[in-house]
Amino acid sequence: MASKLILIAVFILDVIAFGLAVAAEQRRSTAKIVQDSEVEHNYCVYDSDISTGYGVGAFLFLMVSQVIIMAASRCFCCGKPLSPGGSRAWAVILFIACWVFFFIAEVCLLAGSVKNAYHTKYRTIFSENPPSCETVRKGVFGAGAAFIFFTAIVSEFFYTCYSRARESFQPYDRETGVGLGAYK
């Protein structure tokens, strides 16, 4: 049966990653346009950059979780063969879904963290258009959190189905050749 220690460890890592992604969404950087003291230039002033750290933390916790699941299942390519049946079929489907959700979550977290860390540094003359104070869009870290949630659920089910299919495998232990002893 599936190792409860692995399931619990992965669940805890996924919950931490989810919490960090939600915190990153709540603490996204905001910017405002400020005039300098000489009233000749406008520039952007950004508030706290903490959500970049939260996003990177969620990225790393989710990656560790995925590494643990893939190491425990030998990434589906090494070890004992799986017995045919529903558990193996579900394990294959969930393996693919797990990687798709993981990839989307990691892209959202990485893109959100990079965009949140980027701060425009240029100034504009007061008579020109105000500077573009770029910030991360609302919902990028939220999408990452949603896909962390999906990854967590699918990876737990994948590991359970994989373990069930691996343990029910019965090797064929009779002679594999064609028996011609009766025809001599």
N, C-alpha and C. Protein backbone atom coordinates (compact mmCIF):
# COMPACT_ATOMS: atom_id res chain seq x y z
N MET A 1 0.84 -1.19 0.00
CA MET A 1 0.00 0.00 0.00
C MET A 1 0.88 1.24 0.00
N ALA A 2 0.30 2.35 -0.32
CA ALA A 2 1.03 3.61 -0.39
C ALA A 2 1.59 3.99 0.97
N SER A 3 2.79 4.52 0.97
CA SER A 3 3.44 4.92 2.21
C SER A 3 2.73 6.14 2.80
N LYS A 4 2.25 5.99 4.02
CA LYS A 4 1.55 7.10 4.67
C LYS A 4 2.50 8.24 4.98
N LEU A 5 3.74 7.93 5.27
CA LEU A 5 4.73 8.96 5.55
C LEU A 5 4.95 9.86 4.34
N ILE A 6 5.04 9.25 3.16
CA ILE A 6 5.21 10.03 1.93
C ILE A 6 3.98 10.87 1.65
N LEU A 7 2.79 10.28 1.81
CA LEU A 7 1.55 11.02 1.57
C LEU A 7 1.42 12.20 2.52
N ILE A 8 1.77 12.01 3.78
CA ILE A 8 1.68 13.11 4.76
C ILE A 8 2.70 14.19 4.46
N ALA A 9 3.94 13.79 4.16
CA ALA A 9 4.99 14.77 3.85
C ALA A 9 4.62 15.61 2.63
N VAL A 10 4.14 14.95 1.59
CA VAL A 10 3.76 15.67 0.37
C VAL A 10 2.57 16.58 0.64
N PHE A 11 1.61 16.12 1.43
CA PHE A 11 0.45 16.94 1.76
C PHE A 11 0.88 18.20 2.52
N ILE A 12 1.77 18.05 3.49
CA ILE A 12 2.23 19.21 4.26
C ILE A 12 2.98 20.20 3.37
N LEU A 13 3.86 19.70 2.51
CA LEU A 13 4.58 20.58 1.60
C LEU A 13 3.62 21.31 0.65
N ASP A 14 2.61 20.61 0.17
CA ASP A 14 1.63 21.24 -0.73
C ASP A 14 0.79 22.28 0.00
N VAL A 15 0.44 22.03 1.25
CA VAL A 15 -0.32 23.02 2.03
C VAL A 15 0.53 24.27 2.26
N ILE A 16 1.80 24.08 2.56
CA ILE A 16 2.69 25.24 2.75
C ILE A 16 2.82 26.03 1.45
N ALA A 17 3.01 25.33 0.33
CA ALA A 17 3.11 25.99 -0.97
C ALA A 17 1.83 26.75 -1.29
N PHE A 18 0.68 26.14 -1.01
CA PHE A 18 -0.60 26.81 -1.26
C PHE A 18 -0.72 28.07 -0.40
N GLY A 19 -0.37 27.97 0.87
CA GLY A 19 -0.44 29.12 1.76
C GLY A 19 0.48 30.25 1.32
N LEU A 20 1.67 29.91 0.88
CA LEU A 20 2.59 30.93 0.40
C LEU A 20 2.08 31.60 -0.88
N ALA A 21 1.47 30.82 -1.76
CA ALA A 21 0.93 31.39 -3.00
C ALA A 21 -0.23 32.33 -2.71
N VAL A 22 -1.08 31.95 -1.76
CA VAL A 22 -2.20 32.83 -1.38
C VAL A 22 -1.66 34.10 -0.73
N ALA A 23 -0.64 33.96 0.13
CA ALA A 23 -0.03 35.13 0.76
C ALA A 23 0.62 36.03 -0.29
N ALA A 24 1.24 35.44 -1.30
CA ALA A 24 1.84 36.24 -2.37
C ALA A 24 0.78 37.02 -3.13
N GLU A 25 -0.37 36.40 -3.35
CA GLU A 25 -1.47 37.10 -4.04
C GLU A 25 -1.96 38.28 -3.20
N GLN A 26 -2.04 38.08 -1.90
CA GLN A 26 -2.55 39.14 -1.01
C GLN A 26 -1.54 40.28 -0.86
N ARG A 27 -0.26 40.00 -0.99
CA ARG A 27 0.78 41.00 -0.74
C ARG A 27 1.49 41.47 -2.00
N ARG A 28 0.81 41.39 -3.14
CA ARG A 28 1.41 41.85 -4.39
C ARG A 28 1.89 43.29 -4.26
N SER A 29 2.94 43.63 -4.98
CA SER A 29 3.44 45.00 -4.97
C SER A 29 2.44 45.92 -5.65
N THR A 30 2.34 47.11 -5.12
CA THR A 30 1.56 48.16 -5.76
C THR A 30 2.50 49.35 -5.97
N ALA A 31 2.14 50.22 -6.89
CA ALA A 31 2.99 51.37 -7.21
C ALA A 31 2.15 52.61 -7.32
N LYS A 32 2.79 53.73 -7.06
CA LYS A 32 2.12 55.01 -7.28
C LYS A 32 3.11 55.97 -7.92
N ILE A 33 2.58 56.89 -8.66
CA ILE A 33 3.40 57.88 -9.35
C ILE A 33 3.62 59.06 -8.40
N VAL A 34 4.88 59.45 -8.26
CA VAL A 34 5.24 60.53 -7.35
C VAL A 34 6.04 61.58 -8.13
N GLN A 35 5.84 62.83 -7.78
CA GLN A 35 6.64 63.90 -8.36
C GLN A 35 7.84 64.16 -7.46
N ASP A 36 8.97 64.44 -8.09
CA ASP A 36 10.14 64.73 -7.26
C ASP A 36 10.03 66.12 -6.65
N SER A 37 10.95 66.45 -5.80
CA SER A 37 10.88 67.71 -5.05
C SER A 37 11.04 68.93 -5.95
N GLU A 38 11.69 68.78 -7.07
CA GLU A 38 11.88 69.91 -7.99
C GLU A 38 10.71 70.05 -8.96
N VAL A 39 9.75 69.15 -8.89
CA VAL A 39 8.55 69.12 -9.73
C VAL A 39 8.90 69.14 -11.21
N GLU A 40 9.96 68.45 -11.56
CA GLU A 40 10.33 68.34 -12.96
C GLU A 40 10.12 66.92 -13.50
N HIS A 41 10.09 65.95 -12.62
CA HIS A 41 10.01 64.56 -13.06
C HIS A 41 8.95 63.81 -12.27
N ASN A 42 8.39 62.80 -12.92
CA ASN A 42 7.52 61.82 -12.27
C ASN A 42 8.27 60.50 -12.22
N TYR A 43 8.04 59.74 -11.18
CA TYR A 43 8.65 58.41 -11.09
C TYR A 43 7.75 57.51 -10.26
N CYS A 44 8.02 56.21 -10.32
CA CYS A 44 7.20 55.22 -9.63
C CYS A 44 7.82 54.88 -8.28
N VAL A 45 6.97 54.75 -7.28
CA VAL A 45 7.39 54.30 -5.96
C VAL A 45 6.62 53.02 -5.65
N TYR A 46 7.36 51.94 -5.37
CA TYR A 46 6.75 50.64 -5.11
C TYR A 46 6.75 50.36 -3.62
N ASP A 47 5.72 49.65 -3.17
CA ASP A 47 5.68 49.27 -1.76
C ASP A 47 6.44 47.95 -1.58
N SER A 48 6.16 47.24 -0.54
CA SER A 48 6.89 46.03 -0.16
C SER A 48 7.02 45.02 -1.29
N ASP A 49 8.14 44.32 -1.29
CA ASP A 49 8.43 43.31 -2.31
C ASP A 49 8.34 41.91 -1.72
N ILE A 50 7.59 41.73 -0.65
CA ILE A 50 7.53 40.45 0.07
C ILE A 50 6.88 39.34 -0.75
N SER A 51 5.98 39.70 -1.64
CA SER A 51 5.28 38.64 -2.38
C SER A 51 6.21 37.91 -3.34
N THR A 52 7.30 38.53 -3.75
CA THR A 52 8.28 37.82 -4.57
C THR A 52 8.86 36.65 -3.77
N GLY A 53 9.21 36.90 -2.53
CA GLY A 53 9.73 35.84 -1.67
C GLY A 53 8.70 34.75 -1.42
N TYR A 54 7.45 35.15 -1.20
CA TYR A 54 6.39 34.16 -1.01
C TYR A 54 6.20 33.31 -2.25
N GLY A 55 6.23 33.95 -3.42
CA GLY A 55 6.07 33.21 -4.68
C GLY A 55 7.21 32.23 -4.92
N VAL A 56 8.43 32.67 -4.64
CA VAL A 56 9.59 31.77 -4.81
C VAL A 56 9.52 30.63 -3.80
N GLY A 57 9.09 30.94 -2.57
CA GLY A 57 8.94 29.89 -1.55
C GLY A 57 7.91 28.86 -1.97
N ALA A 58 6.76 29.31 -2.49
CA ALA A 58 5.74 28.38 -2.97
C ALA A 58 6.28 27.55 -4.12
N PHE A 59 7.03 28.17 -5.02
CA PHE A 59 7.66 27.48 -6.13
C PHE A 59 8.55 26.35 -5.63
N LEU A 60 9.40 26.64 -4.64
CA LEU A 60 10.33 25.64 -4.13
C LEU A 60 9.64 24.53 -3.35
N PHE A 61 8.65 24.88 -2.51
CA PHE A 61 7.94 23.85 -1.75
C PHE A 61 7.19 22.90 -2.68
N LEU A 62 6.57 23.45 -3.73
CA LEU A 62 5.86 22.60 -4.69
C LEU A 62 6.85 21.71 -5.45
N MET A 63 8.02 22.25 -5.77
CA MET A 63 9.02 21.46 -6.47
C MET A 63 9.51 20.30 -5.60
N VAL A 64 9.76 20.56 -4.33
CA VAL A 64 10.20 19.49 -3.41
C VAL A 64 9.12 18.42 -3.29
N SER A 65 7.88 18.85 -3.21
CA SER A 65 6.76 17.91 -3.14
C SER A 65 6.73 17.01 -4.37
N GLN A 66 6.90 17.60 -5.54
CA GLN A 66 6.88 16.82 -6.79
C GLN A 66 8.07 15.88 -6.85
N VAL A 67 9.22 16.32 -6.40
CA VAL A 67 10.41 15.46 -6.41
C VAL A 67 10.19 14.25 -5.51
N ILE A 68 9.59 14.45 -4.35
CA ILE A 68 9.33 13.34 -3.42
C ILE A 68 8.38 12.32 -4.06
N ILE A 69 7.29 12.80 -4.65
CA ILE A 69 6.33 11.89 -5.29
C ILE A 69 6.99 11.13 -6.43
N MET A 70 7.77 11.82 -7.26
CA MET A 70 8.39 11.16 -8.40
C MET A 70 9.49 10.20 -7.96
N ALA A 71 10.21 10.53 -6.90
CA ALA A 71 11.23 9.61 -6.39
C ALA A 71 10.58 8.37 -5.79
N ALA A 72 9.48 8.56 -5.08
CA ALA A 72 8.78 7.42 -4.48
C ALA A 72 8.18 6.50 -5.54
N SER A 73 7.72 7.08 -6.63
CA SER A 73 7.13 6.27 -7.70
C SER A 73 8.15 5.92 -8.78
N ARG A 74 9.39 6.29 -8.57
CA ARG A 74 10.48 6.06 -9.53
C ARG A 74 10.13 6.65 -10.89
N CYS A 75 9.43 7.75 -10.84
CA CYS A 75 9.04 8.51 -12.04
C CYS A 75 8.40 7.63 -13.12
N PHE A 76 7.79 6.56 -12.67
CA PHE A 76 7.01 5.69 -13.54
C PHE A 76 7.84 4.89 -14.54
N CYS A 77 9.17 5.01 -14.51
CA CYS A 77 9.95 4.34 -15.56
C CYS A 77 10.91 3.28 -15.02
N CYS A 78 11.09 3.20 -13.73
CA CYS A 78 12.03 2.23 -13.16
C CYS A 78 11.30 1.38 -12.13
N GLY A 79 11.89 0.30 -11.75
CA GLY A 79 11.29 -0.54 -10.72
C GLY A 79 10.44 -1.66 -11.30
N LYS A 80 9.65 -2.28 -10.41
CA LYS A 80 8.79 -3.39 -10.81
C LYS A 80 7.74 -2.92 -11.80
N PRO A 81 7.35 -3.81 -12.70
CA PRO A 81 6.26 -3.45 -13.61
C PRO A 81 4.94 -3.39 -12.84
N LEU A 82 4.00 -2.68 -13.40
CA LEU A 82 2.69 -2.53 -12.78
C LEU A 82 1.74 -3.56 -13.35
N SER A 83 0.86 -4.04 -12.50
CA SER A 83 -0.11 -5.03 -12.98
C SER A 83 -1.16 -4.35 -13.84
N PRO A 84 -1.60 -5.03 -14.90
CA PRO A 84 -2.62 -4.44 -15.75
C PRO A 84 -3.93 -4.29 -14.98
N GLY A 85 -4.66 -3.29 -15.35
CA GLY A 85 -5.96 -3.09 -14.71
C GLY A 85 -6.26 -1.62 -14.50
N GLY A 86 -7.31 -1.39 -13.74
CA GLY A 86 -7.79 -0.03 -13.51
C GLY A 86 -6.80 0.84 -12.76
N SER A 87 -6.09 0.27 -11.78
CA SER A 87 -5.13 1.06 -11.01
C SER A 87 -4.00 1.57 -11.88
N ARG A 88 -3.51 0.73 -12.79
CA ARG A 88 -2.44 1.16 -13.68
C ARG A 88 -2.95 2.22 -14.65
N ALA A 89 -4.13 2.03 -15.18
CA ALA A 89 -4.70 3.01 -16.11
C ALA A 89 -4.88 4.36 -15.44
N TRP A 90 -5.42 4.34 -14.22
CA TRP A 90 -5.58 5.60 -13.49
C TRP A 90 -4.24 6.21 -13.12
N ALA A 91 -3.26 5.38 -12.80
CA ALA A 91 -1.93 5.89 -12.47
C ALA A 91 -1.32 6.62 -13.66
N VAL A 92 -1.50 6.08 -14.87
CA VAL A 92 -0.97 6.73 -16.06
C VAL A 92 -1.67 8.07 -16.30
N ILE A 93 -2.98 8.08 -16.23
CA ILE A 93 -3.75 9.30 -16.45
C ILE A 93 -3.40 10.35 -15.40
N LEU A 94 -3.33 9.95 -14.14
CA LEU A 94 -3.03 10.89 -13.06
C LEU A 94 -1.58 11.37 -13.12
N PHE A 95 -0.67 10.51 -13.59
CA PHE A 95 0.72 10.91 -13.77
C PHE A 95 0.82 12.07 -14.76
N ILE A 96 0.15 11.95 -15.87
CA ILE A 96 0.17 13.00 -16.89
C ILE A 96 -0.49 14.27 -16.36
N ALA A 97 -1.65 14.12 -15.72
CA ALA A 97 -2.35 15.29 -15.17
C ALA A 97 -1.52 15.96 -14.08
N CYS A 98 -0.84 15.18 -13.27
CA CYS A 98 0.01 15.72 -12.21
C CYS A 98 1.11 16.61 -12.79
N TRP A 99 1.75 16.14 -13.85
CA TRP A 99 2.81 16.93 -14.46
C TRP A 99 2.26 18.18 -15.16
N VAL A 100 1.11 18.09 -15.78
CA VAL A 100 0.52 19.27 -16.43
C VAL A 100 0.17 20.32 -15.38
N PHE A 101 -0.50 19.93 -14.31
CA PHE A 101 -0.86 20.89 -13.26
C PHE A 101 0.38 21.46 -12.58
N PHE A 102 1.37 20.61 -12.35
CA PHE A 102 2.62 21.07 -11.73
C PHE A 102 3.29 22.12 -12.60
N PHE A 103 3.38 21.86 -13.90
CA PHE A 103 4.02 22.79 -14.81
C PHE A 103 3.29 24.13 -14.84
N ILE A 104 1.97 24.10 -14.91
CA ILE A 104 1.20 25.35 -14.94
C ILE A 104 1.39 26.13 -13.64
N ALA A 105 1.35 25.44 -12.51
CA ALA A 105 1.53 26.10 -11.21
C ALA A 105 2.92 26.73 -11.12
N GLU A 106 3.94 26.01 -11.54
CA GLU A 106 5.30 26.54 -11.46
C GLU A 106 5.48 27.75 -12.38
N VAL A 107 4.89 27.70 -13.57
CA VAL A 107 4.99 28.84 -14.49
C VAL A 107 4.30 30.06 -13.90
N CYS A 108 3.12 29.88 -13.33
CA CYS A 108 2.40 31.01 -12.71
C CYS A 108 3.21 31.60 -11.56
N LEU A 109 3.75 30.75 -10.71
CA LEU A 109 4.51 31.24 -9.56
C LEU A 109 5.80 31.94 -9.99
N LEU A 110 6.50 31.35 -10.94
CA LEU A 110 7.75 31.94 -11.41
C LEU A 110 7.49 33.26 -12.15
N ALA A 111 6.52 33.27 -13.03
CA ALA A 111 6.21 34.49 -13.78
C ALA A 111 5.73 35.60 -12.84
N GLY A 112 4.89 35.24 -11.87
CA GLY A 112 4.43 36.24 -10.91
C GLY A 112 5.56 36.79 -10.06
N SER A 113 6.46 35.94 -9.65
CA SER A 113 7.59 36.39 -8.82
C SER A 113 8.53 37.29 -9.61
N VAL A 114 8.81 36.92 -10.85
CA VAL A 114 9.70 37.74 -11.68
C VAL A 114 9.06 39.09 -11.97
N LYS A 115 7.78 39.08 -12.34
CA LYS A 115 7.09 40.33 -12.65
C LYS A 115 6.95 41.21 -11.41
N ASN A 116 6.73 40.59 -10.25
CA ASN A 116 6.59 41.36 -9.01
C ASN A 116 7.92 41.98 -8.60
N ALA A 117 9.02 41.32 -8.92
CA ALA A 117 10.35 41.83 -8.55
C ALA A 117 10.81 42.94 -9.49
N TYR A 118 10.19 43.04 -10.66
CA TYR A 118 10.59 44.05 -11.63
C TYR A 118 10.00 45.39 -11.25
N HIS A 119 10.84 46.39 -11.12
CA HIS A 119 10.39 47.75 -10.83
C HIS A 119 10.98 48.69 -11.87
N THR A 120 10.12 49.49 -12.48
CA THR A 120 10.62 50.45 -13.47
C THR A 120 11.47 51.48 -12.75
N LYS A 121 12.55 51.88 -13.37
CA LYS A 121 13.50 52.80 -12.74
C LYS A 121 13.59 54.15 -13.46
N TYR A 122 12.86 54.34 -14.53
CA TYR A 122 13.04 55.56 -15.30
C TYR A 122 12.10 56.67 -14.81
N ARG A 123 12.43 57.87 -15.19
CA ARG A 123 11.63 59.05 -14.86
C ARG A 123 11.11 59.66 -16.15
N THR A 124 10.07 60.43 -16.06
CA THR A 124 9.58 61.16 -17.22
C THR A 124 9.48 62.64 -16.85
N ILE A 125 9.63 63.46 -17.85
CA ILE A 125 9.49 64.90 -17.62
C ILE A 125 8.03 65.17 -17.33
N PHE A 126 7.76 66.11 -16.47
CA PHE A 126 6.41 66.38 -15.98
C PHE A 126 5.41 66.62 -17.11
N SER A 127 5.83 67.27 -18.18
CA SER A 127 4.90 67.57 -19.26
C SER A 127 4.57 66.35 -20.10
N GLU A 128 5.40 65.30 -20.03
CA GLU A 128 5.13 64.08 -20.80
C GLU A 128 4.10 63.21 -20.08
N ASN A 129 3.79 62.10 -20.73
CA ASN A 129 2.88 61.13 -20.10
C ASN A 129 3.51 60.60 -18.82
N PRO A 130 2.70 60.21 -17.84
CA PRO A 130 3.26 59.65 -16.61
C PRO A 130 3.92 58.30 -16.90
N PRO A 131 4.89 57.90 -16.08
CA PRO A 131 5.57 56.63 -16.32
C PRO A 131 4.63 55.44 -16.11
N SER A 132 4.99 54.34 -16.74
CA SER A 132 4.21 53.12 -16.58
C SER A 132 4.74 52.38 -15.35
N CYS A 133 3.96 52.33 -14.30
CA CYS A 133 4.36 51.64 -13.07
C CYS A 133 3.84 50.21 -13.14
N GLU A 134 4.61 49.34 -13.76
CA GLU A 134 4.17 47.98 -13.99
C GLU A 134 4.20 47.17 -12.70
N THR A 135 3.15 46.41 -12.49
CA THR A 135 3.07 45.48 -11.37
C THR A 135 2.46 44.17 -11.88
N VAL A 136 2.56 43.14 -11.07
CA VAL A 136 2.00 41.85 -11.46
C VAL A 136 0.47 41.95 -11.45
N ARG A 137 -0.14 41.33 -12.43
CA ARG A 137 -1.61 41.36 -12.53
C ARG A 137 -2.24 40.61 -11.38
N LYS A 138 -3.40 41.07 -11.00
CA LYS A 138 -4.14 40.38 -9.95
C LYS A 138 -4.57 39.01 -10.46
N GLY A 139 -4.33 38.00 -9.66
CA GLY A 139 -4.76 36.65 -10.01
C GLY A 139 -3.66 35.73 -10.48
N VAL A 140 -2.45 36.25 -10.75
CA VAL A 140 -1.38 35.37 -11.22
C VAL A 140 -0.97 34.40 -10.12
N PHE A 141 -0.72 34.92 -8.94
CA PHE A 141 -0.39 34.04 -7.82
C PHE A 141 -1.61 33.20 -7.40
N GLY A 142 -2.80 33.76 -7.56
CA GLY A 142 -4.03 33.00 -7.27
C GLY A 142 -4.18 31.81 -8.19
N ALA A 143 -3.85 32.00 -9.47
CA ALA A 143 -3.88 30.87 -10.41
C ALA A 143 -2.84 29.83 -10.02
N GLY A 144 -1.68 30.30 -9.60
CA GLY A 144 -0.65 29.37 -9.12
C GLY A 144 -1.14 28.58 -7.92
N ALA A 145 -1.83 29.27 -6.99
CA ALA A 145 -2.37 28.58 -5.81
C ALA A 145 -3.42 27.55 -6.22
N ALA A 146 -4.27 27.89 -7.17
CA ALA A 146 -5.29 26.94 -7.63
C ALA A 146 -4.64 25.70 -8.24
N PHE A 147 -3.61 25.90 -9.05
CA PHE A 147 -2.96 24.75 -9.66
C PHE A 147 -2.10 23.98 -8.66
N ILE A 148 -1.64 24.63 -7.60
CA ILE A 148 -0.98 23.90 -6.52
C ILE A 148 -1.99 22.96 -5.87
N PHE A 149 -3.20 23.46 -5.65
CA PHE A 149 -4.27 22.65 -5.07
C PHE A 149 -4.57 21.44 -5.97
N PHE A 150 -4.71 21.67 -7.27
CA PHE A 150 -4.97 20.58 -8.20
C PHE A 150 -3.81 19.58 -8.22
N THR A 151 -2.59 20.09 -8.22
CA THR A 151 -1.42 19.22 -8.20
C THR A 151 -1.39 18.36 -6.95
N ALA A 152 -1.72 18.96 -5.82
CA ALA A 152 -1.72 18.23 -4.55
C ALA A 152 -2.70 17.07 -4.59
N ILE A 153 -3.91 17.33 -5.04
CA ILE A 153 -4.93 16.28 -5.09
C ILE A 153 -4.53 15.18 -6.07
N VAL A 154 -4.14 15.57 -7.27
CA VAL A 154 -3.82 14.59 -8.31
C VAL A 154 -2.58 13.78 -7.94
N SER A 155 -1.58 14.41 -7.34
CA SER A 155 -0.36 13.66 -7.00
C SER A 155 -0.62 12.65 -5.89
N GLU A 156 -1.49 12.99 -4.94
CA GLU A 156 -1.84 12.03 -3.88
C GLU A 156 -2.58 10.82 -4.48
N PHE A 157 -3.54 11.07 -5.36
CA PHE A 157 -4.26 9.98 -6.01
C PHE A 157 -3.34 9.17 -6.92
N PHE A 158 -2.44 9.86 -7.63
CA PHE A 158 -1.49 9.16 -8.50
C PHE A 158 -0.65 8.19 -7.68
N TYR A 159 -0.09 8.66 -6.58
CA TYR A 159 0.78 7.79 -5.79
C TYR A 159 0.01 6.61 -5.21
N THR A 160 -1.23 6.84 -4.81
CA THR A 160 -2.05 5.75 -4.28
C THR A 160 -2.35 4.71 -5.36
N CYS A 161 -2.75 5.15 -6.54
CA CYS A 161 -3.03 4.22 -7.65
C CYS A 161 -1.75 3.50 -8.10
N TYR A 162 -0.66 4.24 -8.15
CA TYR A 162 0.61 3.64 -8.54
C TYR A 162 1.01 2.54 -7.54
N SER A 163 0.89 2.82 -6.26
CA SER A 163 1.26 1.84 -5.24
C SER A 163 0.37 0.61 -5.31
N ARG A 164 -0.91 0.82 -5.54
CA ARG A 164 -1.84 -0.30 -5.65
C ARG A 164 -1.51 -1.18 -6.86
N ALA A 165 -1.18 -0.54 -7.99
CA ALA A 165 -0.84 -1.30 -9.19
C ALA A 165 0.51 -2.01 -9.05
N ARG A 166 1.43 -1.40 -8.35
CA ARG A 166 2.75 -2.00 -8.17
C ARG A 166 2.69 -3.21 -7.25
N GLU A 167 1.89 -3.13 -6.21
CA GLU A 167 1.83 -4.22 -5.23
C GLU A 167 1.00 -5.40 -5.70
N SER A 168 0.11 -5.18 -6.65
CA SER A 168 -0.73 -6.29 -7.09
C SER A 168 -0.11 -7.04 -8.28
N PHE A 169 1.10 -6.65 -8.70
CA PHE A 169 1.73 -7.32 -9.83
C PHE A 169 2.15 -8.73 -9.42
N GLN A 170 1.77 -9.71 -10.24
CA GLN A 170 2.14 -11.12 -10.03
C GLN A 170 2.95 -11.57 -11.24
N PRO A 171 4.23 -11.81 -11.08
CA PRO A 171 5.02 -12.24 -12.24
C PRO A 171 4.61 -13.65 -12.67
N TYR A 172 4.78 -13.91 -13.92
CA TYR A 172 4.47 -15.22 -14.50
C TYR A 172 5.67 -16.11 -14.21
N ASP A 173 5.50 -17.09 -13.32
CA ASP A 173 6.65 -17.87 -12.88
C ASP A 173 6.70 -19.28 -13.45
N ARG A 174 5.99 -19.53 -14.53
CA ARG A 174 6.13 -20.81 -15.21
C ARG A 174 7.08 -20.65 -16.38
N GLU A 175 7.34 -21.75 -17.06
CA GLU A 175 8.24 -21.71 -18.20
C GLU A 175 7.64 -20.85 -19.30
N THR A 176 8.47 -20.00 -19.89
CA THR A 176 7.97 -19.09 -20.93
C THR A 176 8.02 -19.69 -22.32
N GLY A 177 8.72 -20.83 -22.51
CA GLY A 177 8.81 -21.45 -23.83
C GLY A 177 7.58 -22.29 -24.15
N VAL A 178 7.53 -22.76 -25.36
CA VAL A 178 6.44 -23.63 -25.79
C VAL A 178 6.78 -25.03 -25.36
N GLY A 179 5.87 -25.66 -24.63
CA GLY A 179 6.11 -27.02 -24.14
C GLY A 179 5.93 -28.05 -25.22
N LEU A 180 7.00 -28.70 -25.66
CA LEU A 180 6.92 -29.73 -26.70
C LEU A 180 7.34 -31.10 -26.16
N GLY A 181 7.41 -31.26 -24.86
CA GLY A 181 7.84 -32.51 -24.27
C GLY A 181 6.92 -33.69 -24.59
N ALA A 182 5.65 -33.48 -24.77
CA ALA A 182 4.70 -34.56 -25.04
C ALA A 182 4.77 -35.03 -26.48
N TYR A 183 5.41 -34.31 -27.36
CA TYR A 183 5.44 -34.65 -28.76
C TYR A 183 6.73 -35.39 -29.19
N LYS A 184 7.54 -35.84 -28.28
CA LYS A 184 8.79 -36.52 -28.65
C LYS A 184 8.54 -37.92 -29.07
